[in-house]
Amino acid sequence: MHGGASIGWLLMVLCAVSGAYCLLRARTGTPRERRTARSEALMGFGMAAMAVPAAVLSPPGWAWALYAVLFGAAALRALRPALRGGHHLHHLIGSLAMVYMAVAMSPAVTGSGGGGHAGHGTAAGVGGIPLLTGVLLVYYAFYVLGAAGRLLPGAAVPPTGGTGAIGRGPGGLGGGTDGRPELTTACRLTMGIGMFAMLLTL
């Protein structure tokens, strides 16, 4: 990121920890809950890999194509569940946003050898469509605010029962789907902040 390598390292650690917690969540729960946790783990680890400072580890040019293919496949997988709304729609948007960032950061677009890596300490040009980037920034800004609101005292939701209203119940945007919904929401909040920060580099 333009703010320096330290921000890239912080972002990498936060996303990696969130991804690891999602992997732990994938060990329990219903098949639907485990699938959701695996999708979020993929997102967390993918964001962590993209956030590694380029001054330390500059990814090869083909890495960005690999990211685009990987998250493109994740978007296709999330397409049908996303029609039901709730957090599945957020997964679809997140996967498409990762594809967009992978393409925008690729050397073919940026014209640099190492791409527009999120942890780069210089203001090297990074590709991207300003309008699309702006729309995604607005979306993640509202998502982060909503998730943060659910962590406030008195805003907690019960961990079991029903799907709840979108954005409030266990199946909604940022709601918990396991026995510790506040940790699940905190991880989603962390990844939402990370996505917002990475989009700022575009």
N, C-alpha and C. Protein backbone atom coordinates (compact mmCIF):
# COMPACT_ATOMS: atom_id res chain seq x y z
N MET A 1 0.83 -1.20 0.00
CA MET A 1 0.00 0.00 0.00
C MET A 1 0.86 1.25 0.00
N HIS A 2 0.29 2.37 -0.38
CA HIS A 2 1.05 3.61 -0.48
C HIS A 2 1.58 4.07 0.87
N GLY A 3 0.94 3.62 1.98
CA GLY A 3 1.35 4.05 3.30
C GLY A 3 2.63 3.41 3.80
N GLY A 4 3.17 2.42 3.10
CA GLY A 4 4.41 1.80 3.51
C GLY A 4 4.24 0.31 3.76
N ALA A 5 5.40 -0.36 3.88
CA ALA A 5 5.38 -1.81 4.04
C ALA A 5 4.76 -2.24 5.36
N SER A 6 4.87 -1.40 6.40
CA SER A 6 4.32 -1.78 7.71
C SER A 6 2.81 -2.00 7.64
N ILE A 7 2.13 -1.19 6.85
CA ILE A 7 0.69 -1.35 6.70
C ILE A 7 0.38 -2.65 5.97
N GLY A 8 1.21 -2.96 4.97
CA GLY A 8 1.03 -4.22 4.25
C GLY A 8 1.20 -5.43 5.16
N TRP A 9 2.22 -5.37 6.03
CA TRP A 9 2.44 -6.47 6.97
C TRP A 9 1.27 -6.61 7.93
N LEU A 10 0.78 -5.48 8.45
CA LEU A 10 -0.35 -5.52 9.37
C LEU A 10 -1.58 -6.12 8.71
N LEU A 11 -1.84 -5.69 7.49
CA LEU A 11 -2.98 -6.21 6.74
C LEU A 11 -2.82 -7.70 6.48
N MET A 12 -1.61 -8.13 6.15
CA MET A 12 -1.37 -9.55 5.88
C MET A 12 -1.63 -10.38 7.12
N VAL A 13 -1.14 -9.93 8.28
CA VAL A 13 -1.32 -10.68 9.52
C VAL A 13 -2.80 -10.78 9.90
N LEU A 14 -3.51 -9.66 9.82
CA LEU A 14 -4.93 -9.65 10.19
C LEU A 14 -5.75 -10.58 9.29
N CYS A 15 -5.48 -10.53 7.99
CA CYS A 15 -6.22 -11.38 7.06
C CYS A 15 -5.86 -12.85 7.25
N ALA A 16 -4.58 -13.14 7.51
CA ALA A 16 -4.17 -14.52 7.72
C ALA A 16 -4.80 -15.09 8.99
N VAL A 17 -4.83 -14.31 10.06
CA VAL A 17 -5.46 -14.76 11.31
C VAL A 17 -6.95 -15.00 11.09
N SER A 18 -7.60 -14.10 10.37
CA SER A 18 -9.02 -14.28 10.07
C SER A 18 -9.25 -15.53 9.26
N GLY A 19 -8.40 -15.78 8.26
CA GLY A 19 -8.52 -16.99 7.46
C GLY A 19 -8.33 -18.24 8.29
N ALA A 20 -7.37 -18.21 9.22
CA ALA A 20 -7.12 -19.37 10.08
C ALA A 20 -8.32 -19.64 10.98
N TYR A 21 -8.93 -18.58 11.52
CA TYR A 21 -10.11 -18.79 12.35
C TYR A 21 -11.27 -19.37 11.54
N CYS A 22 -11.40 -18.91 10.30
CA CYS A 22 -12.46 -19.46 9.44
C CYS A 22 -12.24 -20.94 9.17
N LEU A 23 -10.97 -21.35 9.04
CA LEU A 23 -10.67 -22.78 8.87
C LEU A 23 -11.10 -23.57 10.09
N LEU A 24 -10.89 -23.01 11.27
CA LEU A 24 -11.33 -23.69 12.49
C LEU A 24 -12.85 -23.80 12.52
N ARG A 25 -13.55 -22.76 12.08
CA ARG A 25 -15.01 -22.81 12.02
C ARG A 25 -15.49 -23.88 11.06
N ALA A 26 -14.70 -24.15 10.00
CA ALA A 26 -15.11 -25.11 8.98
C ALA A 26 -15.11 -26.55 9.50
N ARG A 27 -14.59 -26.77 10.70
CA ARG A 27 -14.55 -28.12 11.26
C ARG A 27 -15.85 -28.51 11.91
N THR A 28 -16.71 -27.56 12.21
CA THR A 28 -17.97 -27.85 12.89
C THR A 28 -19.12 -27.15 12.18
N GLY A 29 -20.33 -27.47 12.61
CA GLY A 29 -21.51 -26.83 12.05
C GLY A 29 -22.15 -27.66 10.95
N THR A 30 -23.18 -27.09 10.36
CA THR A 30 -23.89 -27.75 9.27
C THR A 30 -23.06 -27.68 7.99
N PRO A 31 -23.39 -28.50 6.99
CA PRO A 31 -22.65 -28.40 5.72
C PRO A 31 -22.66 -26.99 5.13
N ARG A 32 -23.77 -26.31 5.26
CA ARG A 32 -23.85 -24.94 4.73
C ARG A 32 -22.91 -24.02 5.49
N GLU A 33 -22.87 -24.16 6.83
CA GLU A 33 -21.99 -23.32 7.63
C GLU A 33 -20.52 -23.61 7.34
N ARG A 34 -20.19 -24.89 7.15
CA ARG A 34 -18.81 -25.23 6.84
C ARG A 34 -18.40 -24.70 5.48
N ARG A 35 -19.32 -24.75 4.51
CA ARG A 35 -19.03 -24.20 3.18
C ARG A 35 -18.79 -22.70 3.26
N THR A 36 -19.61 -22.02 4.05
CA THR A 36 -19.43 -20.58 4.23
C THR A 36 -18.08 -20.28 4.87
N ALA A 37 -17.71 -21.06 5.88
CA ALA A 37 -16.43 -20.84 6.56
C ALA A 37 -15.26 -21.09 5.63
N ARG A 38 -15.36 -22.10 4.78
CA ARG A 38 -14.27 -22.37 3.83
C ARG A 38 -14.13 -21.23 2.82
N SER A 39 -15.26 -20.69 2.38
CA SER A 39 -15.21 -19.56 1.44
C SER A 39 -14.54 -18.35 2.08
N GLU A 40 -14.86 -18.11 3.35
CA GLU A 40 -14.27 -16.97 4.04
C GLU A 40 -12.79 -17.21 4.32
N ALA A 41 -12.41 -18.46 4.58
CA ALA A 41 -10.99 -18.78 4.77
C ALA A 41 -10.21 -18.52 3.49
N LEU A 42 -10.77 -18.92 2.36
CA LEU A 42 -10.12 -18.66 1.08
C LEU A 42 -9.94 -17.16 0.85
N MET A 43 -10.97 -16.40 1.19
CA MET A 43 -10.88 -14.95 1.04
C MET A 43 -9.80 -14.37 1.93
N GLY A 44 -9.75 -14.82 3.18
CA GLY A 44 -8.76 -14.30 4.12
C GLY A 44 -7.34 -14.59 3.69
N PHE A 45 -7.08 -15.84 3.30
CA PHE A 45 -5.72 -16.21 2.88
C PHE A 45 -5.34 -15.54 1.56
N GLY A 46 -6.32 -15.40 0.66
CA GLY A 46 -6.05 -14.73 -0.60
C GLY A 46 -5.68 -13.27 -0.39
N MET A 47 -6.41 -12.59 0.50
CA MET A 47 -6.10 -11.20 0.80
C MET A 47 -4.74 -11.08 1.49
N ALA A 48 -4.43 -12.04 2.37
CA ALA A 48 -3.13 -12.02 3.04
C ALA A 48 -1.99 -12.14 2.03
N ALA A 49 -2.16 -13.03 1.05
CA ALA A 49 -1.13 -13.22 0.04
C ALA A 49 -0.94 -11.97 -0.81
N MET A 50 -2.02 -11.29 -1.12
CA MET A 50 -1.94 -10.09 -1.95
C MET A 50 -1.38 -8.90 -1.17
N ALA A 51 -1.44 -8.98 0.17
CA ALA A 51 -1.01 -7.85 0.99
C ALA A 51 0.46 -7.92 1.38
N VAL A 52 1.15 -9.03 1.09
CA VAL A 52 2.57 -9.12 1.43
C VAL A 52 3.33 -7.99 0.74
N PRO A 53 4.13 -7.22 1.50
CA PRO A 53 4.86 -6.10 0.88
C PRO A 53 5.71 -6.55 -0.30
N ALA A 54 5.58 -5.88 -1.42
CA ALA A 54 6.32 -6.26 -2.63
C ALA A 54 7.81 -6.08 -2.46
N ALA A 55 8.22 -5.19 -1.55
CA ALA A 55 9.66 -5.00 -1.33
C ALA A 55 10.29 -6.24 -0.72
N VAL A 56 9.47 -7.07 -0.06
CA VAL A 56 9.96 -8.30 0.57
C VAL A 56 9.78 -9.49 -0.36
N LEU A 57 8.62 -9.60 -0.95
CA LEU A 57 8.32 -10.72 -1.83
C LEU A 57 7.49 -10.23 -3.00
N SER A 58 8.14 -10.07 -4.14
CA SER A 58 7.44 -9.62 -5.34
C SER A 58 6.91 -10.84 -6.08
N PRO A 59 5.60 -10.99 -6.20
CA PRO A 59 5.04 -12.18 -6.84
C PRO A 59 5.34 -12.22 -8.34
N PRO A 60 5.50 -13.40 -8.90
CA PRO A 60 5.71 -13.50 -10.35
C PRO A 60 4.47 -13.04 -11.10
N GLY A 61 4.65 -12.71 -12.35
CA GLY A 61 3.54 -12.19 -13.14
C GLY A 61 2.35 -13.14 -13.21
N TRP A 62 2.63 -14.46 -13.23
CA TRP A 62 1.53 -15.41 -13.36
C TRP A 62 0.70 -15.53 -12.09
N ALA A 63 1.23 -15.03 -10.97
CA ALA A 63 0.49 -15.14 -9.71
C ALA A 63 -0.84 -14.39 -9.77
N TRP A 64 -0.83 -13.24 -10.46
CA TRP A 64 -2.07 -12.44 -10.54
C TRP A 64 -3.12 -13.15 -11.39
N ALA A 65 -2.66 -13.84 -12.45
CA ALA A 65 -3.61 -14.63 -13.24
C ALA A 65 -4.17 -15.78 -12.41
N LEU A 66 -3.31 -16.38 -11.57
CA LEU A 66 -3.78 -17.46 -10.70
C LEU A 66 -4.82 -16.95 -9.71
N TYR A 67 -4.58 -15.78 -9.12
CA TYR A 67 -5.57 -15.19 -8.22
C TYR A 67 -6.90 -14.97 -8.94
N ALA A 68 -6.82 -14.43 -10.16
CA ALA A 68 -8.05 -14.13 -10.91
C ALA A 68 -8.83 -15.40 -11.21
N VAL A 69 -8.13 -16.47 -11.62
CA VAL A 69 -8.80 -17.74 -11.93
C VAL A 69 -9.39 -18.34 -10.66
N LEU A 70 -8.62 -18.32 -9.57
CA LEU A 70 -9.06 -18.93 -8.31
C LEU A 70 -10.33 -18.25 -7.79
N PHE A 71 -10.31 -16.93 -7.75
CA PHE A 71 -11.48 -16.24 -7.21
C PHE A 71 -12.60 -16.13 -8.23
N GLY A 72 -12.27 -16.25 -9.51
CA GLY A 72 -13.32 -16.36 -10.50
C GLY A 72 -14.11 -17.65 -10.30
N ALA A 73 -13.40 -18.74 -10.01
CA ALA A 73 -14.07 -20.01 -9.73
C ALA A 73 -14.89 -19.91 -8.46
N ALA A 74 -14.36 -19.21 -7.45
CA ALA A 74 -15.11 -19.02 -6.21
C ALA A 74 -16.38 -18.21 -6.46
N ALA A 75 -16.30 -17.21 -7.35
CA ALA A 75 -17.49 -16.41 -7.68
C ALA A 75 -18.55 -17.25 -8.37
N LEU A 76 -18.12 -18.12 -9.28
CA LEU A 76 -19.07 -18.99 -9.96
C LEU A 76 -19.75 -19.94 -8.97
N ARG A 77 -18.96 -20.42 -8.02
CA ARG A 77 -19.52 -21.33 -7.01
C ARG A 77 -20.52 -20.61 -6.11
N ALA A 78 -20.28 -19.32 -5.86
CA ALA A 78 -21.15 -18.56 -4.97
C ALA A 78 -22.36 -17.98 -5.68
N LEU A 79 -22.41 -18.10 -7.01
CA LEU A 79 -23.46 -17.45 -7.78
C LEU A 79 -24.84 -17.98 -7.42
N ARG A 80 -25.02 -19.29 -7.42
CA ARG A 80 -26.35 -19.84 -7.12
C ARG A 80 -26.79 -19.55 -5.69
N PRO A 81 -25.94 -19.82 -4.66
CA PRO A 81 -26.37 -19.47 -3.30
C PRO A 81 -26.64 -17.98 -3.13
N ALA A 82 -25.95 -17.13 -3.91
CA ALA A 82 -26.13 -15.69 -3.78
C ALA A 82 -27.54 -15.26 -4.16
N LEU A 83 -28.21 -16.06 -4.98
CA LEU A 83 -29.58 -15.71 -5.37
C LEU A 83 -30.52 -15.72 -4.18
N ARG A 84 -30.12 -16.43 -3.10
CA ARG A 84 -30.93 -16.45 -1.89
C ARG A 84 -30.64 -15.25 -1.00
N GLY A 85 -29.67 -14.44 -1.38
CA GLY A 85 -29.36 -13.24 -0.62
C GLY A 85 -28.51 -13.54 0.60
N GLY A 86 -28.57 -12.67 1.61
CA GLY A 86 -27.80 -12.85 2.82
C GLY A 86 -26.31 -12.77 2.59
N HIS A 87 -25.56 -13.53 3.39
CA HIS A 87 -24.10 -13.43 3.32
C HIS A 87 -23.53 -14.06 2.06
N HIS A 88 -24.29 -14.94 1.40
CA HIS A 88 -23.81 -15.53 0.16
C HIS A 88 -23.61 -14.45 -0.91
N LEU A 89 -24.48 -13.46 -0.91
CA LEU A 89 -24.32 -12.36 -1.86
C LEU A 89 -23.03 -11.59 -1.58
N HIS A 90 -22.72 -11.44 -0.30
CA HIS A 90 -21.47 -10.77 0.06
C HIS A 90 -20.27 -11.58 -0.41
N HIS A 91 -20.35 -12.91 -0.32
CA HIS A 91 -19.26 -13.76 -0.81
C HIS A 91 -19.05 -13.57 -2.31
N LEU A 92 -20.15 -13.48 -3.04
CA LEU A 92 -20.05 -13.28 -4.49
C LEU A 92 -19.38 -11.94 -4.80
N ILE A 93 -19.82 -10.88 -4.12
CA ILE A 93 -19.23 -9.57 -4.35
C ILE A 93 -17.75 -9.58 -3.97
N GLY A 94 -17.42 -10.23 -2.86
CA GLY A 94 -16.03 -10.29 -2.44
C GLY A 94 -15.15 -11.03 -3.43
N SER A 95 -15.65 -12.15 -3.95
CA SER A 95 -14.87 -12.92 -4.93
C SER A 95 -14.65 -12.12 -6.21
N LEU A 96 -15.70 -11.44 -6.67
CA LEU A 96 -15.56 -10.62 -7.87
C LEU A 96 -14.62 -9.44 -7.63
N ALA A 97 -14.65 -8.88 -6.41
CA ALA A 97 -13.74 -7.79 -6.08
C ALA A 97 -12.29 -8.28 -6.09
N MET A 98 -12.07 -9.51 -5.64
CA MET A 98 -10.71 -10.07 -5.65
C MET A 98 -10.23 -10.28 -7.09
N VAL A 99 -11.13 -10.74 -7.96
CA VAL A 99 -10.77 -10.89 -9.37
C VAL A 99 -10.40 -9.53 -9.95
N TYR A 100 -11.20 -8.54 -9.65
CA TYR A 100 -10.96 -7.18 -10.15
C TYR A 100 -9.61 -6.66 -9.68
N MET A 101 -9.30 -6.85 -8.40
CA MET A 101 -8.02 -6.35 -7.89
C MET A 101 -6.84 -7.12 -8.47
N ALA A 102 -7.01 -8.44 -8.66
CA ALA A 102 -5.92 -9.23 -9.25
C ALA A 102 -5.61 -8.76 -10.66
N VAL A 103 -6.65 -8.47 -11.43
CA VAL A 103 -6.44 -7.98 -12.79
C VAL A 103 -5.82 -6.58 -12.76
N ALA A 104 -6.35 -5.72 -11.87
CA ALA A 104 -5.86 -4.34 -11.80
C ALA A 104 -4.42 -4.26 -11.32
N MET A 105 -3.99 -5.22 -10.52
CA MET A 105 -2.63 -5.20 -9.97
C MET A 105 -1.63 -5.98 -10.82
N SER A 106 -2.09 -6.64 -11.87
CA SER A 106 -1.20 -7.46 -12.68
C SER A 106 -0.22 -6.58 -13.45
N PRO A 107 0.98 -7.09 -13.71
CA PRO A 107 1.99 -6.32 -14.46
C PRO A 107 1.50 -5.87 -15.82
N ALA A 108 0.63 -6.67 -16.46
CA ALA A 108 0.13 -6.31 -17.78
C ALA A 108 -0.67 -5.01 -17.74
N VAL A 109 -1.30 -4.73 -16.59
CA VAL A 109 -2.11 -3.52 -16.44
C VAL A 109 -1.30 -2.38 -15.87
N THR A 110 -0.47 -2.69 -14.87
CA THR A 110 0.29 -1.63 -14.21
C THR A 110 1.54 -1.23 -14.98
N GLY A 111 2.03 -2.15 -15.83
CA GLY A 111 3.24 -1.85 -16.58
C GLY A 111 4.50 -1.98 -15.76
N SER A 112 4.39 -2.63 -14.59
CA SER A 112 5.56 -2.83 -13.73
C SER A 112 5.86 -4.31 -13.61
N GLY A 113 7.08 -4.63 -13.23
CA GLY A 113 7.47 -6.03 -13.13
C GLY A 113 6.82 -6.76 -11.99
N GLY A 114 6.53 -6.07 -10.88
CA GLY A 114 6.00 -6.75 -9.71
C GLY A 114 4.53 -6.51 -9.49
N GLY A 115 3.88 -5.77 -10.40
CA GLY A 115 2.47 -5.51 -10.24
C GLY A 115 2.23 -4.46 -9.15
N GLY A 116 0.97 -4.11 -8.97
CA GLY A 116 0.62 -3.11 -7.95
C GLY A 116 0.36 -3.76 -6.62
N HIS A 117 1.32 -4.48 -6.09
CA HIS A 117 1.15 -5.25 -4.87
C HIS A 117 0.70 -4.35 -3.73
N ALA A 118 -0.22 -4.87 -2.92
CA ALA A 118 -0.82 -4.05 -1.86
C ALA A 118 0.19 -3.58 -0.84
N GLY A 119 1.31 -4.30 -0.70
CA GLY A 119 2.27 -3.89 0.30
C GLY A 119 3.39 -3.04 -0.25
N HIS A 120 3.29 -2.60 -1.47
CA HIS A 120 4.35 -1.83 -2.10
C HIS A 120 4.49 -0.48 -1.42
N GLY A 121 5.69 -0.08 -1.18
CA GLY A 121 5.91 1.17 -0.46
C GLY A 121 5.98 2.38 -1.35
N THR A 122 5.86 2.23 -2.64
CA THR A 122 5.91 3.37 -3.54
C THR A 122 4.55 3.63 -4.13
N ALA A 123 4.44 4.75 -4.81
CA ALA A 123 3.16 5.10 -5.42
C ALA A 123 3.14 4.69 -6.87
N ALA A 124 3.62 3.49 -7.15
CA ALA A 124 3.61 3.00 -8.51
C ALA A 124 2.19 2.92 -9.01
N GLY A 125 2.01 3.19 -10.27
CA GLY A 125 0.67 3.20 -10.82
C GLY A 125 0.01 1.85 -10.78
N VAL A 126 -1.23 1.81 -10.38
CA VAL A 126 -2.01 0.59 -10.32
C VAL A 126 -3.23 0.78 -11.18
N GLY A 127 -3.57 -0.24 -11.96
CA GLY A 127 -4.71 -0.13 -12.83
C GLY A 127 -6.01 -0.16 -12.06
N GLY A 128 -7.10 0.06 -12.75
CA GLY A 128 -8.40 0.03 -12.10
C GLY A 128 -9.34 1.02 -12.75
N ILE A 129 -10.62 0.74 -12.65
CA ILE A 129 -11.65 1.62 -13.18
C ILE A 129 -12.17 2.47 -12.03
N PRO A 130 -11.93 3.78 -12.04
CA PRO A 130 -12.30 4.62 -10.89
C PRO A 130 -13.74 4.45 -10.43
N LEU A 131 -14.68 4.39 -11.37
CA LEU A 131 -16.09 4.27 -10.98
C LEU A 131 -16.35 2.95 -10.27
N LEU A 132 -15.82 1.85 -10.81
CA LEU A 132 -16.03 0.54 -10.18
C LEU A 132 -15.34 0.48 -8.83
N THR A 133 -14.13 1.02 -8.76
CA THR A 133 -13.42 1.06 -7.49
C THR A 133 -14.21 1.85 -6.46
N GLY A 134 -14.77 2.97 -6.88
CA GLY A 134 -15.56 3.80 -5.98
C GLY A 134 -16.80 3.08 -5.47
N VAL A 135 -17.48 2.36 -6.35
CA VAL A 135 -18.67 1.61 -5.94
C VAL A 135 -18.31 0.55 -4.90
N LEU A 136 -17.21 -0.16 -5.14
CA LEU A 136 -16.77 -1.18 -4.19
C LEU A 136 -16.35 -0.56 -2.86
N LEU A 137 -15.71 0.59 -2.91
CA LEU A 137 -15.32 1.27 -1.67
C LEU A 137 -16.55 1.65 -0.86
N VAL A 138 -17.58 2.17 -1.53
CA VAL A 138 -18.81 2.53 -0.82
C VAL A 138 -19.46 1.29 -0.22
N TYR A 139 -19.49 0.21 -0.99
CA TYR A 139 -20.09 -1.03 -0.48
C TYR A 139 -19.37 -1.51 0.78
N TYR A 140 -18.04 -1.57 0.72
CA TYR A 140 -17.29 -2.08 1.87
C TYR A 140 -17.30 -1.10 3.04
N ALA A 141 -17.43 0.17 2.76
CA ALA A 141 -17.55 1.14 3.86
C ALA A 141 -18.83 0.87 4.64
N PHE A 142 -19.94 0.67 3.94
CA PHE A 142 -21.20 0.37 4.61
C PHE A 142 -21.15 -1.00 5.29
N TYR A 143 -20.49 -1.95 4.64
CA TYR A 143 -20.39 -3.29 5.24
C TYR A 143 -19.61 -3.23 6.55
N VAL A 144 -18.50 -2.50 6.56
CA VAL A 144 -17.68 -2.38 7.77
C VAL A 144 -18.46 -1.69 8.88
N LEU A 145 -19.17 -0.62 8.54
CA LEU A 145 -19.95 0.09 9.54
C LEU A 145 -21.05 -0.80 10.11
N GLY A 146 -21.68 -1.58 9.25
CA GLY A 146 -22.72 -2.48 9.72
C GLY A 146 -22.18 -3.57 10.62
N ALA A 147 -21.03 -4.15 10.22
CA ALA A 147 -20.43 -5.21 11.03
C ALA A 147 -19.94 -4.65 12.36
N ALA A 148 -19.37 -3.46 12.34
CA ALA A 148 -18.92 -2.84 13.59
C ALA A 148 -20.10 -2.56 14.52
N GLY A 149 -21.22 -2.16 13.95
CA GLY A 149 -22.40 -1.90 14.76
C GLY A 149 -22.91 -3.14 15.46
N ARG A 150 -22.74 -4.30 14.81
CA ARG A 150 -23.20 -5.54 15.42
C ARG A 150 -22.30 -6.01 16.56
N LEU A 151 -21.13 -5.41 16.68
CA LEU A 151 -20.24 -5.75 17.79
C LEU A 151 -20.46 -4.87 19.01
N LEU A 152 -21.29 -3.84 18.86
CA LEU A 152 -21.57 -2.96 19.98
C LEU A 152 -22.42 -3.67 21.02
N PRO A 153 -22.28 -3.32 22.31
CA PRO A 153 -23.12 -3.93 23.35
C PRO A 153 -24.60 -3.76 23.05
N GLY A 154 -25.33 -4.84 23.20
CA GLY A 154 -26.77 -4.79 22.94
C GLY A 154 -27.15 -5.08 21.51
N ALA A 155 -26.15 -5.19 20.61
CA ALA A 155 -26.44 -5.47 19.21
C ALA A 155 -26.21 -6.91 18.86
N ALA A 156 -25.84 -7.75 19.82
CA ALA A 156 -25.53 -9.16 19.55
C ALA A 156 -26.78 -9.90 19.14
N VAL A 157 -26.59 -10.94 18.32
CA VAL A 157 -27.71 -11.76 17.87
C VAL A 157 -27.53 -13.15 18.42
N PRO A 158 -28.61 -13.90 18.66
CA PRO A 158 -28.48 -15.26 19.14
C PRO A 158 -27.80 -16.13 18.12
N PRO A 159 -26.94 -17.08 18.54
CA PRO A 159 -26.17 -17.88 17.60
C PRO A 159 -26.95 -18.95 16.90
N THR A 160 -28.16 -19.24 17.34
CA THR A 160 -28.92 -20.32 16.73
C THR A 160 -30.32 -19.85 16.41
N GLY A 161 -30.94 -20.62 15.48
CA GLY A 161 -32.34 -20.40 15.18
C GLY A 161 -32.59 -19.45 14.05
N GLY A 162 -33.25 -19.94 12.99
CA GLY A 162 -33.71 -19.08 11.90
C GLY A 162 -32.60 -18.46 11.11
N THR A 163 -33.02 -17.75 10.09
CA THR A 163 -32.06 -17.03 9.26
C THR A 163 -32.00 -15.57 9.63
N GLY A 164 -33.03 -15.08 10.29
CA GLY A 164 -33.03 -13.70 10.74
C GLY A 164 -33.13 -12.72 9.58
N ALA A 165 -33.21 -11.45 9.95
CA ALA A 165 -33.26 -10.42 8.93
C ALA A 165 -31.89 -10.27 8.31
N ILE A 166 -31.87 -9.87 7.08
CA ILE A 166 -30.60 -9.68 6.40
C ILE A 166 -29.76 -8.68 7.16
N GLY A 167 -28.53 -9.10 7.47
CA GLY A 167 -27.61 -8.22 8.17
C GLY A 167 -27.71 -8.33 9.68
N ARG A 168 -28.69 -9.12 10.22
CA ARG A 168 -28.83 -9.19 11.66
C ARG A 168 -28.81 -10.63 12.17
N GLY A 169 -29.45 -11.52 11.45
CA GLY A 169 -29.54 -12.89 11.92
C GLY A 169 -28.28 -13.67 11.60
N PRO A 170 -28.24 -14.98 12.03
CA PRO A 170 -27.06 -15.80 11.79
C PRO A 170 -26.70 -15.91 10.34
N GLY A 171 -27.68 -15.85 9.42
CA GLY A 171 -27.36 -15.98 8.02
C GLY A 171 -27.20 -14.67 7.30
N GLY A 172 -27.32 -13.55 8.02
CA GLY A 172 -27.28 -12.25 7.39
C GLY A 172 -25.87 -11.74 7.22
N LEU A 173 -25.76 -10.50 6.78
CA LEU A 173 -24.45 -9.89 6.55
C LEU A 173 -23.76 -9.66 7.87
N GLY A 174 -22.73 -10.44 8.13
CA GLY A 174 -21.92 -10.24 9.30
C GLY A 174 -22.40 -10.96 10.53
N GLY A 175 -23.57 -11.60 10.49
CA GLY A 175 -24.05 -12.33 11.63
C GLY A 175 -23.28 -13.60 11.84
N GLY A 176 -23.28 -14.11 13.05
CA GLY A 176 -22.54 -15.33 13.35
C GLY A 176 -23.28 -16.55 12.89
N THR A 177 -22.57 -17.59 12.50
CA THR A 177 -23.19 -18.84 12.09
C THR A 177 -22.70 -19.98 12.93
N ASP A 178 -21.98 -19.70 14.03
CA ASP A 178 -21.52 -20.75 14.90
C ASP A 178 -21.81 -20.36 16.34
N GLY A 179 -21.20 -21.06 17.29
CA GLY A 179 -21.48 -20.81 18.68
C GLY A 179 -20.85 -19.53 19.20
N ARG A 180 -19.98 -18.88 18.45
CA ARG A 180 -19.33 -17.65 18.88
C ARG A 180 -19.52 -16.59 17.79
N PRO A 181 -20.73 -16.09 17.66
CA PRO A 181 -21.03 -15.16 16.56
C PRO A 181 -20.22 -13.88 16.61
N GLU A 182 -19.82 -13.45 17.82
CA GLU A 182 -19.06 -12.19 17.89
C GLU A 182 -17.68 -12.34 17.26
N LEU A 183 -17.06 -13.52 17.37
CA LEU A 183 -15.76 -13.74 16.73
C LEU A 183 -15.91 -13.82 15.21
N THR A 184 -16.99 -14.47 14.78
CA THR A 184 -17.24 -14.56 13.35
C THR A 184 -17.45 -13.17 12.76
N THR A 185 -18.24 -12.36 13.44
CA THR A 185 -18.47 -11.01 12.97
C THR A 185 -17.19 -10.19 12.99
N ALA A 186 -16.35 -10.38 14.01
CA ALA A 186 -15.09 -9.65 14.09
C ALA A 186 -14.17 -10.02 12.93
N CYS A 187 -14.14 -11.31 12.57
CA CYS A 187 -13.32 -11.73 11.43
C CYS A 187 -13.82 -11.13 10.13
N ARG A 188 -15.14 -11.11 9.95
CA ARG A 188 -15.70 -10.52 8.74
C ARG A 188 -15.46 -9.03 8.71
N LEU A 189 -15.51 -8.39 9.87
CA LEU A 189 -15.20 -6.97 9.96
C LEU A 189 -13.74 -6.72 9.54
N THR A 190 -12.82 -7.56 10.05
CA THR A 190 -11.40 -7.42 9.72
C THR A 190 -11.17 -7.55 8.22
N MET A 191 -11.79 -8.56 7.61
CA MET A 191 -11.60 -8.75 6.18
C MET A 191 -12.26 -7.64 5.37
N GLY A 192 -13.37 -7.11 5.88
CA GLY A 192 -14.00 -5.98 5.21
C GLY A 192 -13.10 -4.75 5.23
N ILE A 193 -12.47 -4.49 6.38
CA ILE A 193 -11.53 -3.38 6.47
C ILE A 193 -10.35 -3.61 5.53
N GLY A 194 -9.86 -4.87 5.51
CA GLY A 194 -8.74 -5.19 4.63
C GLY A 194 -9.07 -4.97 3.16
N MET A 195 -10.28 -5.38 2.77
CA MET A 195 -10.69 -5.19 1.38
C MET A 195 -10.80 -3.70 1.05
N PHE A 196 -11.34 -2.92 1.98
CA PHE A 196 -11.45 -1.49 1.77
C PHE A 196 -10.06 -0.87 1.61
N ALA A 197 -9.11 -1.28 2.47
CA ALA A 197 -7.76 -0.73 2.39
C ALA A 197 -7.07 -1.10 1.09
N MET A 198 -7.27 -2.32 0.62
CA MET A 198 -6.64 -2.75 -0.63
C MET A 198 -7.24 -2.03 -1.83
N LEU A 199 -8.54 -1.80 -1.78
CA LEU A 199 -9.18 -1.07 -2.87
C LEU A 199 -8.68 0.37 -2.95
N LEU A 200 -8.31 0.93 -1.81
CA LEU A 200 -7.78 2.30 -1.81
C LEU A 200 -6.50 2.41 -2.62
N THR A 201 -5.76 1.30 -2.73
CA THR A 201 -4.51 1.35 -3.49
C THR A 201 -4.75 1.41 -4.99
N LEU A 202 -5.99 1.14 -5.43
CA LEU A 202 -6.30 1.19 -6.85
C LEU A 202 -6.59 2.63 -7.29
